[in-house]
Amino acid sequence: MIREKIAGSTRTLQWKCVESRIDSKRLYYGRFLLSPLMKGQADTIGIAIRRALLGEIEGTCITRVKSEKVPHEYSTIVGIEESIHEILINLKEIVLRSNLYGVRDASICVRGPRYVTAQDIILPPSVEIVDTTQHIANLTEPIDLRIGLQIKRDRGYRMNSTNNSQDGSYPIDAVSMPVRNANHSIHPYGNGNEKQEILFLEIWTNGSLTPKEALFEASRNLIDLFIPFLHAEERDIHFEKNKKNRLTNLKKNKKGIPLKCFFIDQSELPPRTYNCLKRSNIHTLLDLLNKSQEDLMRIEYFRTEDVKQILDTLQKDFAINLPKNKFSF
């Protein structure tokens, strides 16, 4: 039925979600199709989007645990059913959702006897737990369990050293991967020289993102990676030869086309600074010049040193200064 509908369509690419379900709080499933594609295109897109889904999407997880009363990772505590190692494994499985950047602190402070679950974690305002019923430990006696946690947003898988720390701090292997699995399949159709393909994508997530959100995020990240090639003309040999003249024109003509064509990813800014600007809809030099230093300081998770680095880059590359506020001249 799907093939019959697509066979009569034009070459305009279209996508749709053909299946979506929630198997549990920590397992979402989605199936999508993209068509019509020329022969070979489905494999090109499928491989790229699968790698982006599994490796380019950021997630939030617990990366470190601290407790002064714990002598080493494999020790046991009277009144707690699980060993410290088992508690660390349970904390590793906690699924978090957030837009935070940098490291944030959380904690657990409970008294037994009782079951300790993810609901007992005291979180910063910007973080929420996907499944509050996730088990952490079972306190069998009236003892206090006090644990400090560190939470970080990252991407991919980070294996940490298991060496014991003198301050009672233990790292946890960070699994910052919202997408649990992703597959793609290709279905050819048509006859003779009219052969085309349908690309099917299957996505499983841990509940911190829906499969549709994960597909959107992976596609956007892929596009961001190719932006430098899309705007390569602005950085060719002619651009390098006439750099001083172009910079003068940029400074004199703040509403000119060159400003709209120069993207902030062409500047030597750290990835964290670039991502914060992008999330504030600052994509080009023109967008940036319409802001003041005061405006930049209002950007979420921006620091004074981030603003200083932007000012230094503008001064170095373009001989441009940003006003301290909108009323400065």
Protein backbone atom coordinates (compact mmCIF):
# COMPACT_ATOMS: atom_id res chain seq x y z
CA MET A 1 0.00 0.00 0.00
CA ILE A 2 2.84 2.38 0.87
CA ARG A 3 4.67 1.58 -2.34
CA GLU A 4 1.58 2.24 -4.46
CA LYS A 5 1.16 5.72 -2.96
CA ILE A 6 4.82 6.61 -3.39
CA ALA A 7 5.04 5.29 -6.93
CA GLY A 8 2.71 8.02 -8.12
CA SER A 9 4.49 10.83 -6.30
CA THR A 10 6.92 13.38 -7.71
CA ARG A 11 10.66 13.64 -7.04
CA THR A 12 9.99 15.94 -4.08
CA LEU A 13 11.31 14.08 -1.05
CA GLN A 14 8.74 13.35 1.60
CA TRP A 15 9.00 11.65 4.97
CA LYS A 16 6.44 10.28 7.40
CA CYS A 17 6.21 8.32 10.62
CA VAL A 18 4.64 4.94 9.85
CA GLU A 19 4.81 3.50 13.37
CA SER A 20 5.25 4.90 16.88
CA ARG A 21 4.90 3.24 20.26
CA ILE A 22 6.01 3.43 23.88
CA ASP A 23 7.09 0.03 25.18
CA SER A 24 8.05 1.42 28.61
CA LYS A 25 9.15 4.69 30.22
CA ARG A 26 12.70 3.91 29.09
CA LEU A 27 12.00 2.44 25.67
CA TYR A 28 10.40 4.38 22.82
CA TYR A 29 10.16 3.11 19.25
CA GLY A 30 9.59 4.90 15.96
CA ARG A 31 9.66 3.86 12.28
CA PHE A 32 10.01 6.44 9.52
CA LEU A 33 10.27 6.46 5.75
CA LEU A 34 11.83 8.84 3.25
CA SER A 35 11.05 8.73 -0.49
CA PRO A 36 11.32 8.82 -3.44
CA LEU A 37 15.10 8.42 -3.62
CA MET A 38 17.29 7.64 -6.59
CA LYS A 39 19.24 4.39 -6.59
CA GLY A 40 22.06 4.56 -4.02
CA GLN A 41 20.78 7.61 -2.17
CA ALA A 42 18.94 5.59 0.49
CA ASP A 43 22.14 3.86 1.58
CA THR A 44 24.04 7.16 1.67
CA ILE A 45 21.42 8.79 3.90
CA GLY A 46 20.76 5.69 6.00
CA ILE A 47 24.40 5.13 6.97
CA ALA A 48 24.99 8.81 7.79
CA ILE A 49 21.82 9.29 9.83
CA ARG A 50 22.39 6.06 11.78
CA ARG A 51 25.90 7.16 12.78
CA ALA A 52 24.55 10.59 13.77
CA LEU A 53 21.75 9.02 15.82
CA LEU A 54 24.17 6.83 17.77
CA GLY A 55 27.10 9.22 18.10
CA GLU A 56 26.14 12.87 17.62
CA ILE A 57 23.15 13.35 19.94
CA GLU A 58 23.82 14.68 23.42
CA GLY A 59 22.41 13.11 26.55
CA THR A 60 22.57 13.68 30.32
CA CYS A 61 23.73 11.13 32.86
CA ILE A 62 25.35 10.67 36.27
CA THR A 63 29.14 10.63 35.89
CA ARG A 64 30.47 10.56 39.48
CA VAL A 65 29.39 9.46 42.96
CA LYS A 66 30.85 10.67 46.24
CA SER A 67 30.45 9.30 49.75
CA GLU A 68 32.96 9.85 52.55
CA LYS A 69 31.93 6.68 54.41
CA VAL A 70 32.82 4.35 51.52
CA PRO A 71 36.35 2.90 51.75
CA HIS A 72 36.40 1.46 48.22
CA GLU A 73 34.14 0.64 45.29
CA TYR A 74 33.62 -3.04 46.17
CA SER A 75 32.92 -2.53 49.87
CA THR A 76 29.63 -3.32 51.61
CA ILE A 77 27.78 -1.34 54.26
CA VAL A 78 25.82 -2.96 57.08
CA GLY A 79 22.14 -2.21 56.58
CA ILE A 80 22.33 -1.91 52.77
CA GLU A 81 21.41 -4.99 50.74
CA GLU A 82 23.51 -4.01 47.71
CA SER A 83 27.26 -3.53 47.55
CA ILE A 84 28.64 -0.13 46.57
CA HIS A 85 29.50 -1.53 43.14
CA GLU A 86 25.89 -2.60 42.59
CA ILE A 87 24.64 0.84 43.65
CA LEU A 88 27.01 2.45 41.13
CA ILE A 89 25.64 0.21 38.38
CA ASN A 90 22.06 1.13 39.35
CA LEU A 91 22.93 4.85 39.25
CA LYS A 92 24.47 4.36 35.81
CA GLU A 93 21.07 3.18 34.56
CA ILE A 94 19.25 6.34 35.68
CA VAL A 95 17.86 8.15 32.60
CA LEU A 96 17.84 11.94 32.81
CA ARG A 97 16.43 14.68 30.59
CA SER A 98 17.87 18.21 30.51
CA ASN A 99 19.37 21.03 28.44
CA LEU A 100 22.13 21.82 30.93
CA TYR A 101 25.78 22.39 30.04
CA GLY A 102 28.73 21.81 32.29
CA VAL A 103 28.69 19.80 35.51
CA ARG A 104 25.80 20.01 37.97
CA ASP A 105 25.52 18.60 41.49
CA ALA A 106 22.76 16.37 42.85
CA SER A 107 22.39 14.26 45.97
CA ILE A 108 20.57 11.47 47.79
CA CYS A 109 19.79 11.85 51.49
CA VAL A 110 17.41 9.22 52.93
CA ARG A 111 16.98 7.13 56.06
CA GLY A 112 16.04 3.45 56.17
CA PRO A 113 14.55 1.05 56.30
CA ARG A 114 13.14 1.67 52.83
CA TYR A 115 13.67 1.15 49.11
CA VAL A 116 15.70 3.93 47.48
CA THR A 117 14.63 4.82 43.93
CA ALA A 118 15.42 7.54 41.39
CA GLN A 119 12.62 9.59 42.92
CA ASP A 120 14.84 10.15 45.99
CA ILE A 121 17.49 12.03 43.97
CA ILE A 122 17.54 15.76 44.72
CA LEU A 123 18.16 17.36 41.31
CA PRO A 124 18.97 20.87 40.08
CA PRO A 125 15.97 22.68 38.48
CA SER A 126 17.17 22.07 34.92
CA VAL A 127 17.16 18.26 35.21
CA GLU A 128 14.32 15.74 35.38
CA ILE A 129 14.18 11.96 35.74
CA VAL A 130 12.51 9.90 32.99
CA ASP A 131 11.60 6.93 35.21
CA THR A 132 11.38 7.77 38.93
CA THR A 133 10.78 4.11 39.84
CA GLN A 134 14.29 2.99 38.87
CA HIS A 135 15.81 1.03 41.76
CA ILE A 136 18.99 2.23 43.48
CA ALA A 137 19.29 0.40 46.82
CA ASN A 138 17.41 -1.34 49.62
CA LEU A 139 18.06 -0.05 53.15
CA THR A 140 17.21 -2.87 55.56
CA GLU A 141 18.06 -1.03 58.79
CA PRO A 142 17.50 2.50 60.20
CA ILE A 143 20.67 3.99 58.75
CA ASP A 144 21.34 7.16 56.74
CA LEU A 145 22.35 7.01 53.08
CA ARG A 146 24.06 10.22 51.97
CA ILE A 147 25.50 10.31 48.46
CA GLY A 148 26.70 13.22 46.34
CA LEU A 149 26.25 12.99 42.57
CA GLN A 150 27.69 14.81 39.57
CA ILE A 151 25.59 15.17 36.44
CA LYS A 152 26.93 16.08 33.01
CA ARG A 153 25.59 16.49 29.48
CA ASP A 154 27.76 14.93 26.79
CA ARG A 155 27.58 12.63 23.80
CA GLY A 156 28.72 9.08 23.16
CA TYR A 157 30.27 6.71 25.69
CA ARG A 158 33.00 7.70 28.14
CA MET A 159 34.78 4.93 30.04
CA ASN A 160 36.27 6.21 33.29
CA SER A 161 39.06 4.79 35.40
CA THR A 162 37.88 2.67 38.32
CA ASN A 163 40.80 3.65 40.56
CA ASN A 164 39.63 4.58 44.02
CA SER A 165 39.79 8.24 44.92
CA GLN A 166 41.09 9.47 48.24
CA ASP A 167 38.13 11.79 48.74
CA GLY A 168 35.61 8.95 48.39
CA SER A 169 34.69 9.96 44.84
CA TYR A 170 34.02 7.25 42.26
CA PRO A 171 33.55 7.80 38.51
CA ILE A 172 30.79 6.09 36.55
CA ASP A 173 31.08 5.09 32.91
CA ALA A 174 29.06 7.82 31.20
CA VAL A 175 26.52 6.58 28.64
CA SER A 176 25.29 9.84 27.11
CA MET A 177 23.37 8.15 24.30
CA PRO A 178 19.61 8.82 24.14
CA VAL A 179 19.34 6.47 21.14
CA ARG A 180 19.64 2.83 22.16
CA ASN A 181 19.62 1.42 18.65
CA ALA A 182 19.00 2.51 15.06
CA ASN A 183 18.55 0.48 11.88
CA HIS A 184 17.86 1.36 8.26
CA SER A 185 16.49 -0.73 5.42
CA ILE A 186 16.04 -0.06 1.71
CA HIS A 187 13.09 -1.09 -0.49
CA PRO A 188 13.57 -0.60 -4.27
CA TYR A 189 10.61 -0.19 -6.61
CA GLY A 190 9.95 0.74 -10.24
CA ASN A 191 11.00 -0.77 -13.57
CA GLY A 192 13.88 -0.21 -15.98
CA ASN A 193 15.50 3.21 -15.73
CA GLU A 194 12.77 4.42 -13.37
CA LYS A 195 14.03 2.44 -10.38
CA GLN A 196 13.77 4.33 -7.11
CA GLU A 197 14.16 3.55 -3.42
CA ILE A 198 12.32 3.95 -0.14
CA LEU A 199 14.42 4.39 3.00
CA PHE A 200 13.00 3.03 6.26
CA LEU A 201 14.52 4.11 9.58
CA GLU A 202 13.90 2.35 12.90
CA ILE A 203 14.85 4.19 16.09
CA TRP A 204 14.77 3.08 19.73
CA THR A 205 15.39 5.70 22.45
CA ASN A 206 15.71 5.62 26.25
CA GLY A 207 12.78 7.98 26.82
CA SER A 208 14.79 11.19 27.28
CA LEU A 209 13.97 11.92 23.61
CA THR A 210 11.23 10.57 21.37
CA PRO A 211 12.40 8.87 18.15
CA LYS A 212 11.04 11.83 16.18
CA GLU A 213 13.01 14.29 18.32
CA ALA A 214 16.12 12.13 17.95
CA LEU A 215 15.74 12.06 14.16
CA PHE A 216 15.35 15.85 14.09
CA GLU A 217 18.41 16.35 16.33
CA ALA A 218 20.59 13.95 14.32
CA SER A 219 19.58 15.62 11.03
CA ARG A 220 20.34 19.08 12.41
CA ASN A 221 23.74 17.93 13.68
CA LEU A 222 24.59 16.48 10.27
CA ILE A 223 23.64 19.76 8.59
CA ASP A 224 25.82 21.69 11.06
CA LEU A 225 28.79 19.49 10.15
CA PHE A 226 28.40 20.37 6.46
CA ILE A 227 27.87 24.12 6.91
CA PRO A 228 31.58 24.93 6.33
CA PHE A 229 31.39 23.25 2.91
CA LEU A 230 28.15 25.02 2.00
CA HIS A 231 29.77 28.40 2.62
CA ALA A 232 33.21 27.54 1.27
CA GLU A 233 32.98 30.32 -1.35
CA GLU A 234 33.33 32.94 1.36
CA ARG A 235 36.67 31.43 2.33
CA ASP A 236 38.29 30.73 -1.05
CA ILE A 237 41.51 32.19 -2.38
CA HIS A 238 39.87 35.48 -3.40
CA PHE A 239 38.53 35.89 0.11
CA GLU A 240 42.02 35.45 1.57
CA LYS A 241 43.59 37.92 -0.89
CA ASN A 242 41.00 40.60 -0.19
CA LYS A 243 40.51 39.91 3.50
CA LYS A 244 41.49 43.39 4.67
CA ASN A 245 39.16 45.07 2.17
CA ARG A 246 36.29 42.74 3.07
CA LEU A 247 36.76 43.36 6.77
CA THR A 248 36.64 47.10 6.14
CA ASN A 249 33.40 46.66 4.19
CA LEU A 250 31.96 44.52 6.97
CA LYS A 251 32.71 47.21 9.50
CA LYS A 252 31.29 50.06 7.42
CA ASN A 253 28.22 48.23 6.14
CA LYS A 254 26.57 46.44 9.05
CA LYS A 255 23.46 45.66 7.00
CA GLY A 256 25.30 44.41 3.93
CA ILE A 257 25.09 40.95 2.40
CA PRO A 258 28.58 39.85 3.55
CA LEU A 259 27.40 39.95 7.15
CA LYS A 260 24.54 37.57 6.38
CA CYS A 261 26.87 35.21 4.54
CA PHE A 262 29.50 34.94 7.28
CA PHE A 263 28.44 32.24 9.75
CA ILE A 264 29.72 32.14 13.32
CA ASP A 265 31.03 28.60 12.84
CA GLN A 266 33.71 30.17 10.60
CA SER A 267 35.19 31.87 13.65
CA GLU A 268 37.57 30.09 15.99
CA LEU A 269 35.12 29.84 18.87
CA PRO A 270 34.99 26.86 21.27
CA PRO A 271 32.20 24.34 20.56
CA ARG A 272 30.39 25.17 23.81
CA THR A 273 30.32 28.91 23.01
CA TYR A 274 29.22 28.23 19.43
CA ASN A 275 26.38 25.93 20.60
CA CYS A 276 25.12 28.50 23.13
CA LEU A 277 25.04 31.20 20.43
CA LYS A 278 23.27 28.86 18.01
CA ARG A 279 20.59 27.99 20.56
CA SER A 280 19.98 31.73 21.01
CA ASN A 281 19.36 32.04 17.23
CA ILE A 282 22.69 33.76 16.62
CA HIS A 283 23.93 32.10 13.43
CA THR A 284 25.68 34.84 11.43
CA LEU A 285 27.98 37.78 12.04
CA LEU A 286 25.02 40.07 11.41
CA ASP A 287 23.08 38.37 14.22
CA LEU A 288 26.05 38.81 16.54
CA LEU A 289 26.57 42.51 15.72
CA ASN A 290 22.94 43.19 16.56
CA LYS A 291 23.69 42.16 20.15
CA SER A 292 25.41 44.06 22.94
CA GLN A 293 27.77 42.68 25.58
CA GLU A 294 24.87 42.91 28.00
CA ASP A 295 22.70 40.79 25.66
CA LEU A 296 25.38 38.09 25.47
CA MET A 297 25.64 37.90 29.24
CA ARG A 298 21.90 37.07 29.36
CA ILE A 299 22.43 33.91 27.28
CA GLU A 300 21.86 30.80 29.34
CA TYR A 301 25.06 29.17 30.65
CA PHE A 302 27.20 32.01 29.24
CA ARG A 303 30.13 33.16 31.34
CA THR A 304 32.17 36.37 31.45
CA GLU A 305 35.13 34.62 29.83
CA ASP A 306 32.89 33.48 26.95
CA VAL A 307 31.90 37.08 26.19
CA LYS A 308 35.54 38.19 26.44
CA GLN A 309 36.58 35.50 23.96
CA ILE A 310 33.91 36.64 21.49
CA LEU A 311 35.02 40.27 21.85
CA ASP A 312 38.68 39.29 21.31
CA THR A 313 37.74 37.28 18.20
CA LEU A 314 35.71 40.15 16.72
CA GLN A 315 38.51 42.60 17.40
CA LYS A 316 41.21 40.31 16.02
CA ASP A 317 39.43 39.13 12.87
CA PHE A 318 37.18 42.08 12.03
CA ALA A 319 38.38 45.08 14.06
CA ILE A 320 34.85 45.33 15.45
CA ASN A 321 33.72 46.02 19.01
CA LEU A 322 30.33 45.27 20.54
CA PRO A 323 28.69 47.99 22.67
CA LYS A 324 28.33 47.28 26.38
CA ASN A 325 24.59 47.80 26.11
CA LYS A 326 22.05 48.82 23.46
CA PHE A 327 22.38 52.48 24.40
CA SER A 328 26.17 52.62 24.05
CA PHE A 329 27.72 54.29 21.04
